[in-house]
Protein backbone atom coordinates (compact mmCIF):
# COMPACT_ATOMS: atom_id res chain seq x y z
CA MET A 1 0.00 0.00 0.00
CA THR A 2 1.45 3.39 -0.96
CA LEU A 3 0.42 6.58 0.78
CA LYS A 4 0.21 9.97 -0.87
CA ASN A 5 3.71 10.80 0.30
CA GLY A 6 5.11 7.65 -1.32
CA THR A 7 5.73 5.68 1.89
CA ARG A 8 4.82 2.02 1.70
CA THR A 9 2.78 0.58 4.55
CA ASP A 10 2.17 -2.96 3.33
CA CYS A 11 1.10 -5.10 6.24
CA ALA A 12 1.02 -8.82 6.75
CA THR A 13 3.47 -9.32 3.92
CA GLU A 14 7.14 -10.10 3.73
CA ASN A 15 8.10 -7.09 1.61
CA ASN A 16 7.94 -4.28 4.16
CA ASP A 17 11.12 -3.65 6.07
CA LYS A 18 9.42 -0.94 8.17
CA MET A 19 7.06 -3.38 9.89
CA PRO A 20 8.09 -5.44 12.94
CA PRO A 21 8.62 -9.19 12.53
CA LYS A 22 5.99 -11.89 12.94
CA GLN A 23 3.31 -10.13 10.92
CA VAL A 24 0.37 -12.34 10.07
CA LEU A 25 0.34 -13.39 6.44
CA PHE A 26 -2.83 -12.70 4.47
CA ASP A 27 -3.89 -14.47 1.32
CA LYS A 28 -4.07 -11.61 -1.14
CA THR A 29 -6.36 -13.55 -3.46
CA THR A 30 -9.27 -13.16 -1.06
CA ALA A 31 -8.66 -9.55 -0.12
CA LEU A 32 -10.82 -6.94 -1.79
CA PRO A 33 -9.18 -5.42 -4.88
CA ASN A 34 -7.86 -1.87 -5.16
CA ARG A 35 -6.65 -1.12 -1.67
CA TYR A 36 -7.31 2.61 -1.96
CA GLU A 37 -9.24 3.19 -5.16
CA TYR A 38 -12.99 3.19 -4.76
CA GLN A 39 -14.67 0.37 -6.62
CA ALA A 40 -18.46 0.23 -6.75
CA TYR A 41 -20.31 -2.81 -5.46
CA LYS A 42 -23.92 -3.60 -6.26
CA HIS A 43 -24.76 -0.54 -4.19
CA ASP A 44 -22.52 2.36 -3.22
CA SER A 45 -21.32 2.80 0.37
CA LEU A 46 -21.90 5.81 2.58
CA PHE A 47 -18.43 5.25 3.98
CA GLU A 48 -16.88 6.01 0.59
CA HIS A 49 -18.83 9.18 -0.10
CA ALA A 50 -18.98 10.68 3.42
CA THR A 51 -15.66 9.47 4.82
CA TRP A 52 -14.87 12.58 6.83
CA ALA A 53 -18.33 12.59 8.47
CA TYR A 54 -17.83 9.15 9.97
CA ALA A 55 -14.28 10.03 11.01
CA PHE A 56 -15.63 13.15 12.76
CA CYS A 57 -18.22 11.08 14.65
CA ARG A 58 -15.56 8.56 15.66
CA GLU A 59 -13.25 11.31 16.94
CA HIS A 60 -15.75 13.58 18.68
CA LEU A 61 -19.07 11.81 19.34
CA PHE A 62 -18.39 8.15 20.09
CA ARG A 63 -17.20 6.94 23.47
CA ASP A 64 -13.48 6.32 23.73
CA ASP A 65 -13.20 2.77 25.07
CA THR A 66 -9.41 2.55 24.94
CA LYS A 67 -9.06 2.16 28.71
CA ARG A 68 -11.90 -0.37 28.88
CA ILE A 69 -10.29 -2.40 26.10
CA ILE A 70 -6.95 -2.44 27.89
CA MET A 71 -8.40 -3.37 31.27
CA ALA A 72 -10.58 -6.13 29.80
CA LEU A 73 -7.87 -7.71 27.64
CA TRP A 74 -4.81 -7.04 29.80
CA PRO A 75 -5.72 -6.58 33.48
CA ASN A 76 -2.05 -5.85 34.24
CA GLU A 77 -2.37 -2.99 31.70
CA HIS A 78 0.29 -4.35 29.36
CA PRO A 79 0.11 -6.99 26.59
CA ALA A 80 2.89 -9.52 26.17
CA PRO A 81 5.59 -8.51 23.66
CA GLY A 82 4.75 -9.73 20.18
CA THR A 83 0.99 -9.81 20.76
CA THR A 84 -0.91 -9.81 17.47
CA LEU A 85 -4.22 -7.96 17.21
CA ILE A 86 -6.71 -7.52 14.37
CA GLU A 87 -9.44 -4.88 14.44
CA LEU A 88 -12.49 -5.64 12.31
CA GLY A 89 -14.31 -2.68 10.82
CA CYS A 90 -11.45 -0.41 11.88
CA GLY A 91 -12.86 2.65 10.09
CA PRO A 92 -10.45 5.59 10.34
CA GLY A 93 -8.11 3.59 12.60
CA PHE A 94 -9.00 5.21 15.91
CA TYR A 95 -8.44 2.20 18.20
CA SER A 96 -5.72 0.52 16.16
CA CYS A 97 -3.61 3.67 16.27
CA ARG A 98 -4.41 4.39 19.92
CA LEU A 99 -3.24 0.93 20.93
CA GLY A 100 -0.31 1.09 18.54
CA GLU A 101 0.89 4.29 20.21
CA LEU A 102 0.57 2.86 23.70
CA PHE A 103 2.07 -0.57 22.95
CA ARG A 104 4.77 -0.34 20.31
CA GLU A 105 5.74 -4.00 20.80
CA MET A 106 2.35 -5.16 19.52
CA SER A 107 1.61 -5.99 15.89
CA ILE A 108 -1.76 -4.49 14.87
CA THR A 109 -3.74 -5.01 11.69
CA GLY A 110 -6.89 -3.04 10.95
CA VAL A 111 -9.29 -4.23 8.26
CA ASP A 112 -12.29 -2.51 6.72
CA ARG A 113 -14.39 -2.95 3.61
CA SER A 114 -14.20 0.76 2.79
CA ALA A 115 -11.21 1.81 0.71
CA LYS A 116 -11.38 5.40 1.89
CA GLN A 117 -11.61 4.44 5.56
CA VAL A 118 -8.51 2.27 5.08
CA GLN A 119 -6.74 5.19 3.42
CA TRP A 120 -7.70 7.51 6.29
CA ALA A 121 -6.43 4.98 8.85
CA SER A 122 -3.16 4.39 6.99
CA GLU A 123 -2.43 8.10 6.73
CA ARG A 124 -3.22 8.49 10.44
CA ALA A 125 -0.69 5.78 11.31
CA GLU A 126 1.89 7.37 9.02
CA ALA A 127 1.37 10.79 10.63
CA LEU A 128 1.93 9.18 14.04
CA ARG A 129 5.00 7.28 12.75
CA LEU A 130 3.53 3.96 13.80
CA THR A 131 5.45 1.08 12.28
CA ASN A 132 3.49 -1.55 14.23
CA CYS A 133 0.11 -0.70 12.65
CA CYS A 134 -1.11 -1.48 9.16
CA PHE A 135 -4.44 -1.46 7.40
CA LYS A 136 -5.99 -3.57 4.65
CA ARG A 137 -9.19 -3.51 2.67
CA ILE A 138 -10.78 -6.85 3.55
CA ASN A 139 -14.33 -8.05 4.15
CA ALA A 140 -14.78 -9.05 7.81
CA LEU A 141 -16.98 -11.94 6.66
CA LYS A 142 -14.15 -13.44 4.61
CA LEU A 143 -10.88 -12.74 6.38
CA SER A 144 -7.98 -13.88 4.26
CA CYS A 145 -5.67 -14.88 7.11
CA PRO A 146 -5.13 -18.48 8.25
CA ASP A 147 -6.77 -20.13 11.24
CA ALA A 148 -5.42 -19.30 14.71
CA ALA A 149 -3.49 -16.27 13.48
CA PHE A 150 -4.16 -13.62 16.16
CA ASP A 151 -4.02 -13.25 19.92
CA VAL A 152 -6.74 -10.61 20.01
CA VAL A 153 -9.73 -9.63 17.86
CA LEU A 154 -11.27 -6.20 18.40
CA ALA A 155 -14.56 -4.85 17.00
CA SER A 156 -16.41 -1.67 17.92
CA ARG A 157 -19.80 -0.60 16.51
CA LEU A 158 -19.45 -3.21 13.77
CA PHE A 159 -22.79 -4.96 14.28
CA THR A 160 -24.83 -1.74 14.07
CA ILE A 161 -24.66 -1.81 10.26
CA LEU A 162 -23.68 -5.40 9.48
CA PRO A 163 -26.59 -7.85 9.14
CA GLU A 164 -24.41 -11.01 9.11
CA GLN A 165 -23.30 -10.89 12.74
CA ALA A 166 -23.11 -14.68 13.10
CA GLY A 167 -20.71 -14.94 10.16
CA VAL A 168 -18.40 -12.30 11.59
CA ILE A 169 -18.34 -13.95 15.02
CA ALA A 170 -17.50 -17.26 13.36
CA GLU A 171 -14.55 -15.54 11.65
CA MET A 172 -13.47 -14.02 14.96
CA HIS A 173 -13.37 -17.47 16.52
CA ARG A 174 -11.57 -18.98 13.53
CA VAL A 175 -8.69 -16.48 13.39
CA LEU A 176 -8.05 -16.45 17.14
CA LYS A 177 -5.31 -18.60 18.60
CA PRO A 178 -6.27 -21.02 21.40
CA GLY A 179 -6.49 -18.88 24.51
CA GLY A 180 -6.99 -15.78 22.35
CA ARG A 181 -9.73 -13.29 23.18
CA CYS A 182 -12.11 -11.02 21.35
CA PHE A 183 -13.48 -7.74 22.65
CA VAL A 184 -16.70 -6.38 21.14
CA ALA A 185 -18.34 -3.02 21.93
CA GLU A 186 -21.81 -2.10 20.67
CA PRO A 187 -24.15 0.81 21.40
CA ARG A 188 -27.40 -0.01 23.20
CA TYR A 189 -29.75 2.68 21.89
CA ALA A 190 -30.84 3.03 18.27
CA PHE A 191 -30.99 6.83 18.30
CA TRP A 192 -27.41 7.32 19.44
CA ALA A 193 -26.15 4.46 17.31
CA SER A 194 -27.84 5.91 14.22
CA ILE A 195 -26.32 9.41 14.44
CA PRO A 196 -23.38 8.66 12.09
CA LEU A 197 -25.66 6.93 9.59
CA LEU A 198 -28.14 9.81 9.60
CA SER A 199 -25.31 12.32 9.21
CA MET A 200 -23.88 10.47 6.22
CA TRP A 201 -27.32 10.04 4.64
CA LEU A 202 -27.88 13.81 4.90
CA LEU A 203 -24.55 14.52 3.27
CA VAL A 204 -24.94 12.05 0.42
CA GLY A 205 -28.36 13.51 -0.30
CA LEU A 206 -26.37 16.17 -2.12
CA ILE A 207 -24.54 13.53 -4.19
CA ALA A 208 -26.26 11.64 -6.95
CA SER A 209 -25.94 7.85 -6.81
CA GLY A 210 -27.16 5.79 -9.72
CA ASN A 211 -27.43 2.56 -7.76
CA GLY A 212 -28.26 3.67 -4.22
CA TYR A 213 -26.46 3.00 -0.94
CA ARG A 214 -26.26 -0.30 0.87
CA GLU A 215 -26.21 0.97 4.48
CA PRO A 216 -29.49 1.26 6.44
CA TYR A 217 -30.98 4.50 7.72
CA LYS A 218 -31.20 3.11 11.24
CA ALA A 219 -28.58 1.20 13.21
CA THR A 220 -29.21 -2.27 14.62
CA VAL A 221 -29.05 -2.58 18.40
CA PHE A 222 -29.56 -5.57 20.69
CA SER A 223 -31.19 -6.33 24.01
CA ALA A 224 -28.89 -7.75 26.68
CA GLU A 225 -30.14 -11.26 25.92
CA GLY A 226 -29.92 -10.79 22.17
CA PHE A 227 -26.38 -9.49 22.42
CA ALA A 228 -25.26 -12.43 24.59
CA ASN A 229 -26.93 -14.90 22.22
CA LEU A 230 -24.83 -13.64 19.31
CA PHE A 231 -21.80 -15.41 20.73
CA ALA A 232 -23.44 -18.66 21.83
CA ALA A 233 -23.07 -20.41 18.47
CA GLN A 234 -19.28 -20.67 18.75
CA PRO A 235 -17.51 -23.01 21.21
CA TRP A 236 -15.96 -20.29 23.36
CA LYS A 237 -14.22 -21.34 26.56
CA LYS A 238 -15.53 -18.24 28.34
CA ILE A 239 -18.10 -15.58 27.46
CA LYS A 240 -18.66 -12.44 29.49
CA THR A 241 -21.13 -9.70 28.54
CA TRP A 242 -21.94 -6.53 30.44
CA ARG A 243 -23.47 -3.07 30.09
CA ASP A 244 -22.00 0.30 30.93
CA GLY A 245 -24.07 3.38 30.16
CA ARG A 246 -25.02 3.62 26.48
CA TYR A 247 -22.81 0.67 25.46
CA GLN A 248 -22.63 -3.07 25.98
CA TYR A 249 -19.57 -5.26 25.76
CA ALA A 250 -18.50 -8.84 25.22
CA LEU A 251 -15.22 -10.53 26.11
CA CYS A 252 -14.85 -14.06 24.74
CA GLU A 253 -11.96 -16.46 25.16
CA LYS A 254 -11.23 -19.28 22.72
CA GLY A 255 -10.50 -22.71 24.20
């Protein structure tokens, strides 16, 4: 991947001397084409046409769960050196870069289906001089990495717009190493969860789209029971779910 300034930030490959060792190898044949360039699907994506609006919401409106993530995953407040983490639906790279700044010995890969969100995240990491973070355009339903590849899977606000939650959770379980854990954060209330979608819909109303947009107008949210049931289909060793204000969380450990 080449940024605007010419710096390469290929991740999970063997051709990037700026990345730390032990990067997880991805099968490029199953990654989405054109890492940066927008390529239309059956329907356009709000995240391609209103990129900055979602980034603004992520920076200024959403809760910052960095401390909660750290305390849930690493109670001693520090991951083991060489820990590998993948963030699904990383968007503009908020959490990947936050964790990459705090823990330089970690290897972090952020994936998102949106080319422009991946570009935003990559440029953020470059601006912060993070050599332990990289970003790829990959569908969370079809991760191109091998089984048992990561120590940690992270996802925040992913299920609000993704209808195939069971498929994503199955992929989370598949790519985790035995003993690996996933941390999931989801908003509880449809109004608050829908603010970024509504903002993007208002903006794209000024942009003509010949084939419409695939995202919904309203975000999907879950009851406490419904949220817990999302994870029951996989053979997790441990599942913990809890609520805190406007958000609910899950921490699952693979056996």
